[in-house]
Amino acid sequence: MHVTRLADAKPYFPPNHNDMRCLRLQGHEAGPADLLWLGMSQILPGGFTSLDASPMEKYYVVLEGEVTIESDTGTEVLRQWDSCRIAPGEKRALKNETNKTVVVLLSMPFPGVTKG
């Protein structure tokens, strides 16, 4: 078992993330992982990511607040405990259009991980 306490989680700084604090919870520098890594994003009011695509599949779960997610297939507002999948190559933008901080859990496979 590998435990990462929130108090010990290290920040990471992805490009095109504005008014956000991103913490690595598992994988990469947060500890051992074979298939995927977990991150937590705290998005301040007005915070956002640009509309970009990644070759990696992404899963988002809203832990607190409300986030607007724009993608190639439309725009959705996700609230606490809602989740979504962003396909490889699909553009996405996250936006906090509220006056409360949003907390989102992100799960992504490592590059090179294929379907089993």
C-alpha atoms as a PDB file:
ATOM      1  CA  MET A   1       0.000   0.000   0.000  1.00  0.00           C
ATOM      2  CA  HIS A   2       1.179   3.512  -0.790  1.00  0.00           C
ATOM      3  CA  VAL A   3      -0.539   6.400   0.999  1.00  0.00           C
ATOM      4  CA  THR A   4      -0.317  10.061   0.039  1.00  0.00           C
ATOM      5  CA  ARG A   5      -1.668  12.399   2.698  1.00  0.00           C
ATOM      6  CA  LEU A   6      -3.208  15.559   1.301  1.00  0.00           C
ATOM      7  CA  ALA A   7      -0.896  17.582   3.540  1.00  0.00           C
ATOM      8  CA  ASP A   8       2.074  15.935   1.786  1.00  0.00           C
ATOM      9  CA  ALA A   9       0.776  16.075  -1.812  1.00  0.00           C
ATOM     10  CA  LYS A  10       3.128  18.006  -4.087  1.00  0.00           C
ATOM     11  CA  PRO A  11       1.947  20.604  -6.577  1.00  0.00           C
ATOM     12  CA  TYR A  12       2.462  20.215 -10.300  1.00  0.00           C
ATOM     13  CA  PHE A  13       2.114  22.907 -12.928  1.00  0.00           C
ATOM     14  CA  PRO A  14       0.456  21.832 -16.193  1.00  0.00           C
ATOM     15  CA  PRO A  15       0.496  24.373 -19.019  1.00  0.00           C
ATOM     16  CA  ASN A  16      -2.583  26.461 -19.810  1.00  0.00           C
ATOM     17  CA  HIS A  17      -4.127  26.068 -16.341  1.00  0.00           C
ATOM     18  CA  ASN A  18      -5.117  29.478 -14.954  1.00  0.00           C
ATOM     19  CA  ASP A  19      -6.079  30.246 -11.331  1.00  0.00           C
ATOM     20  CA  MET A  20      -5.717  26.589 -10.428  1.00  0.00           C
ATOM     21  CA  ARG A  21      -3.690  24.606  -7.921  1.00  0.00           C
ATOM     22  CA  CYS A  22      -2.941  21.062  -9.006  1.00  0.00           C
ATOM     23  CA  LEU A  23      -1.718  18.403  -6.592  1.00  0.00           C
ATOM     24  CA  ARG A  24      -0.366  14.965  -7.465  1.00  0.00           C
ATOM     25  CA  LEU A  25      -2.033  12.305  -5.315  1.00  0.00           C
ATOM     26  CA  GLN A  26      -0.682   9.059  -6.806  1.00  0.00           C
ATOM     27  CA  GLY A  27       1.813   8.188  -9.523  1.00  0.00           C
ATOM     28  CA  HIS A  28       4.709  10.180 -10.979  1.00  0.00           C
ATOM     29  CA  GLU A  29       6.581  11.866  -8.119  1.00  0.00           C
ATOM     30  CA  ALA A  30       3.761  10.982  -5.662  1.00  0.00           C
ATOM     31  CA  GLY A  31       4.724   7.319  -5.646  1.00  0.00           C
ATOM     32  CA  PRO A  32       4.615   4.032  -7.501  1.00  0.00           C
ATOM     33  CA  ALA A  33       1.927   3.330 -10.106  1.00  0.00           C
ATOM     34  CA  ASP A  34       1.774   0.996 -13.094  1.00  0.00           C
ATOM     35  CA  LEU A  35      -1.220   2.098 -15.153  1.00  0.00           C
ATOM     36  CA  LEU A  36      -2.532   5.505 -14.119  1.00  0.00           C
ATOM     37  CA  TRP A  37      -1.980   8.530 -11.949  1.00  0.00           C
ATOM     38  CA  LEU A  38      -4.317  10.694  -9.857  1.00  0.00           C
ATOM     39  CA  GLY A  39      -4.344  14.431  -9.453  1.00  0.00           C
ATOM     40  CA  MET A  40      -6.557  16.912  -7.672  1.00  0.00           C
ATOM     41  CA  SER A  41      -7.270  20.348  -9.089  1.00  0.00           C
ATOM     42  CA  GLN A  42      -8.572  23.238  -7.025  1.00  0.00           C
ATOM     43  CA  ILE A  43     -10.069  25.737  -9.460  1.00  0.00           C
ATOM     44  CA  LEU A  44     -10.603  29.239  -8.114  1.00  0.00           C
ATOM     45  CA  PRO A  45     -13.602  31.332  -9.167  1.00  0.00           C
ATOM     46  CA  GLY A  46     -12.930  32.400 -12.759  1.00  0.00           C
ATOM     47  CA  GLY A  47     -10.210  29.755 -13.140  1.00  0.00           C
ATOM     48  CA  PHE A  48      -9.971  27.718 -16.310  1.00  0.00           C
ATOM     49  CA  THR A  49      -7.943  25.568 -18.657  1.00  0.00           C
ATOM     50  CA  SER A  50      -7.598  26.357 -22.330  1.00  0.00           C
ATOM     51  CA  LEU A  51      -9.452  24.247 -24.907  1.00  0.00           C
ATOM     52  CA  ASP A  52      -6.746  21.681 -25.639  1.00  0.00           C
ATOM     53  CA  ALA A  53      -6.502  18.015 -26.544  1.00  0.00           C
ATOM     54  CA  SER A  54      -4.235  15.337 -25.141  1.00  0.00           C
ATOM     55  CA  PRO A  55      -3.390  11.918 -26.543  1.00  0.00           C
ATOM     56  CA  MET A  56      -4.381  10.444 -23.175  1.00  0.00           C
ATOM     57  CA  GLU A  57      -7.847   9.523 -21.952  1.00  0.00           C
ATOM     58  CA  LYS A  58      -8.960  11.574 -18.917  1.00  0.00           C
ATOM     59  CA  TYR A  59     -11.554  11.026 -16.215  1.00  0.00           C
ATOM     60  CA  TYR A  60     -12.842  13.847 -14.021  1.00  0.00           C
ATOM     61  CA  VAL A  61     -14.888  13.539 -10.809  1.00  0.00           C
ATOM     62  CA  VAL A  62     -16.198  16.683  -9.114  1.00  0.00           C
ATOM     63  CA  LEU A  63     -15.554  16.428  -5.374  1.00  0.00           C
ATOM     64  CA  GLU A  64     -16.795  19.923  -4.461  1.00  0.00           C
ATOM     65  CA  GLY A  65     -18.515  22.725  -6.314  1.00  0.00           C
ATOM     66  CA  GLU A  66     -19.573  23.049  -9.932  1.00  0.00           C
ATOM     67  CA  VAL A  67     -17.420  23.049 -13.070  1.00  0.00           C
ATOM     68  CA  THR A  68     -18.296  23.700 -16.696  1.00  0.00           C
ATOM     69  CA  ILE A  69     -16.572  21.333 -19.116  1.00  0.00           C
ATOM     70  CA  GLU A  70     -16.477  22.230 -22.791  1.00  0.00           C
ATOM     71  CA  SER A  71     -15.440  19.562 -25.280  1.00  0.00           C
ATOM     72  CA  ASP A  72     -15.673  18.648 -28.951  1.00  0.00           C
ATOM     73  CA  THR A  73     -19.078  17.120 -28.233  1.00  0.00           C
ATOM     74  CA  GLY A  74     -20.652  19.972 -26.254  1.00  0.00           C
ATOM     75  CA  THR A  75     -20.716  21.704 -22.899  1.00  0.00           C
ATOM     76  CA  GLU A  76     -21.812  20.178 -19.597  1.00  0.00           C
ATOM     77  CA  VAL A  77     -22.042  21.481 -16.052  1.00  0.00           C
ATOM     78  CA  LEU A  78     -20.827  18.904 -13.550  1.00  0.00           C
ATOM     79  CA  ARG A  79     -21.710  19.101  -9.876  1.00  0.00           C
ATOM     80  CA  GLN A  80     -20.554  17.190  -6.794  1.00  0.00           C
ATOM     81  CA  TRP A  81     -20.060  13.462  -7.534  1.00  0.00           C
ATOM     82  CA  ASP A  82     -20.713  13.898 -11.278  1.00  0.00           C
ATOM     83  CA  SER A  83     -18.016  12.525 -13.555  1.00  0.00           C
ATOM     84  CA  CYS A  84     -17.023  12.498 -17.207  1.00  0.00           C
ATOM     85  CA  ARG A  85     -14.595  10.852 -19.598  1.00  0.00           C
ATOM     86  CA  ILE A  86     -12.610  12.807 -22.174  1.00  0.00           C
ATOM     87  CA  ALA A  87     -11.476  10.574 -25.032  1.00  0.00           C
ATOM     88  CA  PRO A  88      -7.908  10.577 -26.348  1.00  0.00           C
ATOM     89  CA  GLY A  89      -7.522  13.492 -28.763  1.00  0.00           C
ATOM     90  CA  GLU A  90     -10.775  15.163 -27.643  1.00  0.00           C
ATOM     91  CA  LYS A  91     -10.382  18.855 -26.811  1.00  0.00           C
ATOM     92  CA  ARG A  92     -11.551  19.962 -23.387  1.00  0.00           C
ATOM     93  CA  ALA A  93     -11.686  23.105 -21.284  1.00  0.00           C
ATOM     94  CA  LEU A  94     -12.618  23.311 -17.606  1.00  0.00           C
ATOM     95  CA  LYS A  95     -14.120  26.553 -16.297  1.00  0.00           C
ATOM     96  CA  ASN A  96     -15.222  27.654 -12.846  1.00  0.00           C
ATOM     97  CA  GLU A  97     -18.014  30.095 -13.558  1.00  0.00           C
ATOM     98  CA  THR A  98     -19.111  30.276  -9.904  1.00  0.00           C
ATOM     99  CA  ASN A  99     -17.909  32.220  -6.871  1.00  0.00           C
ATOM    100  CA  LYS A 100     -16.846  29.080  -4.979  1.00  0.00           C
ATOM    101  CA  THR A 101     -13.702  26.999  -5.369  1.00  0.00           C
ATOM    102  CA  VAL A 102     -14.168  23.756  -7.324  1.00  0.00           C
ATOM    103  CA  VAL A 103     -12.276  20.564  -6.423  1.00  0.00           C
ATOM    104  CA  VAL A 104     -11.870  18.007  -9.215  1.00  0.00           C
ATOM    105  CA  LEU A 105     -10.214  14.577  -9.131  1.00  0.00           C
ATOM    106  CA  LEU A 106      -8.352  13.666 -12.331  1.00  0.00           C
ATOM    107  CA  SER A 107      -7.341  10.169 -13.390  1.00  0.00           C
ATOM    108  CA  MET A 108      -5.136   9.557 -16.444  1.00  0.00           C
ATOM    109  CA  PRO A 109      -3.182   6.590 -17.758  1.00  0.00           C
ATOM    110  CA  PHE A 110       0.535   6.879 -18.251  1.00  0.00           C
ATOM    111  CA  PRO A 111       1.740   7.364 -21.839  1.00  0.00           C
ATOM    112  CA  GLY A 112       2.108   4.043 -23.592  1.00  0.00           C
ATOM    113  CA  VAL A 113      -0.532   2.246 -21.510  1.00  0.00           C
ATOM    114  CA  THR A 114      -2.849   0.377 -23.871  1.00  0.00           C
ATOM    115  CA  LYS A 115      -6.213  -1.284 -23.495  1.00  0.00           C
ATOM    116  CA  GLY A 116      -6.004  -4.711 -21.920  1.00  0.00           C
END
